[in-house]
Amino acid sequence: MTMEATVYEDGTIQYPGHPIGPGGQEPVDTVDLSEYTAEVVTWTVSAATPVGVRAPNPLAIVEFDVDGESVRAIGQLTTDEVETGDTVEPVYADDLRDPEAGIREPASQDWDGYRFEPV
């Protein structure tokens, strides 16, 4: 599983990627952010989470340096034992949400993705 960011004509990298980038640019490539570490820009703990999402739920905005290009992402942390400035790495999680919780069709609530873990 990749944590795919999109590269645009001018070298800008965005996560998540979009079909049209800054200034109307077309995507030209992708980069797998799971191969990089990032720095915690800021973080918080959400105590009031949606149905099926763990509570408390530590979250962070992190910044990757991909060949000199800054790429920011937001996501869950594996722990609340983190500080601004810490180095984290993306780790794959196949269960960011319990698909059986709540009243919606479970298949529509089956979310996987990445959490950030302190290095």
Protein backbone atom coordinates (compact mmCIF):
# COMPACT_ATOMS: atom_id res chain seq x y z
CA MET A 1 0.00 0.00 0.00
CA THR A 2 1.40 3.40 -0.93
CA MET A 3 0.85 6.86 0.53
CA GLU A 4 0.72 8.46 -2.89
CA ALA A 5 1.35 12.17 -3.34
CA THR A 6 1.06 13.90 -6.72
CA VAL A 7 3.89 15.78 -8.45
CA TYR A 8 2.97 18.67 -10.78
CA GLU A 9 4.82 20.29 -13.71
CA ASP A 10 6.56 22.94 -11.57
CA GLY A 11 7.78 20.35 -9.00
CA THR A 12 5.05 21.10 -6.46
CA ILE A 13 3.97 17.99 -4.55
CA GLN A 14 0.54 17.69 -2.92
CA TYR A 15 -1.01 15.11 -0.63
CA PRO A 16 -3.59 14.07 -1.36
CA GLY A 17 -3.17 14.71 -5.04
CA HIS A 18 -5.76 16.40 -7.23
CA PRO A 19 -6.49 16.09 -10.97
CA ILE A 20 -5.63 19.77 -11.42
CA GLY A 21 -2.82 21.25 -9.35
CA PRO A 22 -1.67 24.76 -8.47
CA GLY A 23 -2.25 27.22 -11.30
CA GLY A 24 -4.16 24.63 -13.34
CA GLN A 25 -1.18 22.31 -13.74
CA GLU A 26 -1.55 18.69 -14.77
CA PRO A 27 -0.03 15.91 -12.65
CA VAL A 28 3.22 14.53 -14.09
CA ASP A 29 4.27 11.92 -11.53
CA THR A 30 3.63 10.48 -8.08
CA VAL A 31 5.80 9.87 -5.03
CA ASP A 32 5.24 7.36 -2.20
CA LEU A 33 5.42 9.30 1.07
CA SER A 34 5.53 6.04 3.06
CA GLU A 35 9.20 5.84 2.06
CA TYR A 36 9.99 9.10 3.91
CA THR A 37 9.97 10.38 7.47
CA ALA A 38 8.23 13.62 8.45
CA GLU A 39 8.36 16.23 11.19
CA VAL A 40 5.39 16.95 13.45
CA VAL A 41 4.28 20.54 12.80
CA THR A 42 1.47 20.44 15.37
CA TRP A 43 -0.74 17.84 17.01
CA THR A 44 -3.84 17.42 19.14
CA VAL A 45 -6.03 14.74 20.66
CA SER A 46 -9.66 14.50 19.62
CA ALA A 47 -11.91 13.17 22.39
CA ALA A 48 -15.19 13.53 20.46
CA THR A 49 -14.67 11.26 17.47
CA PRO A 50 -17.11 10.02 14.82
CA VAL A 51 -18.78 6.67 15.44
CA GLY A 52 -16.29 3.87 14.84
CA VAL A 53 -13.17 6.02 15.20
CA ARG A 54 -11.05 5.34 18.28
CA ALA A 55 -11.33 7.77 21.16
CA PRO A 56 -9.22 9.48 22.19
CA ASN A 57 -7.75 9.96 18.72
CA PRO A 58 -4.33 11.67 18.50
CA LEU A 59 -3.92 13.60 15.23
CA ALA A 60 -1.03 15.50 13.68
CA ILE A 61 -0.11 17.75 10.82
CA VAL A 62 3.26 16.53 9.57
CA GLU A 63 5.70 17.88 7.01
CA PHE A 64 7.73 15.72 4.65
CA ASP A 65 10.84 16.92 2.83
CA VAL A 66 10.82 15.26 -0.59
CA ASP A 67 13.97 16.32 -2.41
CA GLY A 68 13.69 19.85 -1.02
CA GLU A 69 9.94 20.15 -1.63
CA SER A 70 7.71 20.53 1.44
CA VAL A 71 4.67 18.25 1.58
CA ARG A 72 2.18 18.44 4.46
CA ALA A 73 -0.29 15.78 5.52
CA ILE A 74 -2.78 15.35 8.35
CA GLY A 75 -3.54 12.03 9.96
CA GLN A 76 -3.85 9.88 13.04
CA LEU A 77 -0.88 9.20 15.30
CA THR A 78 -0.10 5.78 16.77
CA THR A 79 0.37 7.37 20.22
CA ASP A 80 -0.24 10.61 22.07
CA GLU A 81 3.36 10.54 23.31
CA VAL A 82 4.62 12.98 20.70
CA GLU A 83 5.90 16.55 20.63
CA THR A 84 6.03 19.25 17.99
CA GLY A 85 9.28 18.76 16.07
CA ASP A 86 9.40 14.98 16.56
CA THR A 87 10.25 12.77 13.60
CA VAL A 88 7.54 10.32 12.57
CA GLU A 89 7.13 7.69 9.88
CA PRO A 90 3.94 6.58 8.13
CA VAL A 91 2.80 3.09 9.15
CA TYR A 92 -0.01 1.30 7.33
CA ALA A 93 -3.21 0.59 9.28
CA ASP A 94 -5.97 -1.51 7.77
CA ASP A 95 -8.54 -0.31 10.31
CA LEU A 96 -8.70 3.47 10.76
CA ARG A 97 -12.39 3.06 11.56
CA ASP A 98 -14.55 0.16 12.79
CA PRO A 99 -16.83 -0.55 9.82
CA GLU A 100 -19.36 -2.37 12.03
CA ALA A 101 -20.00 0.69 14.24
CA GLY A 102 -22.87 3.02 13.46
CA ILE A 103 -25.88 2.71 11.20
CA ARG A 104 -24.27 3.02 7.77
CA GLU A 105 -23.53 0.14 5.42
CA PRO A 106 -20.31 -1.42 6.82
CA ALA A 107 -18.63 -1.58 3.40
CA SER A 108 -18.90 2.23 3.14
CA GLN A 109 -17.09 2.66 6.47
CA ASP A 110 -14.17 0.28 5.88
CA TRP A 111 -11.21 2.71 5.84
CA ASP A 112 -7.54 1.90 5.70
CA GLY A 113 -4.60 4.25 5.40
CA TYR A 114 -1.62 5.52 7.33
CA ARG A 115 -0.96 6.62 10.87
CA PHE A 116 2.18 8.44 11.95
CA GLU A 117 4.50 6.75 14.43
CA PRO A 118 7.36 8.43 16.29
CA VAL A 119 10.77 7.22 15.15
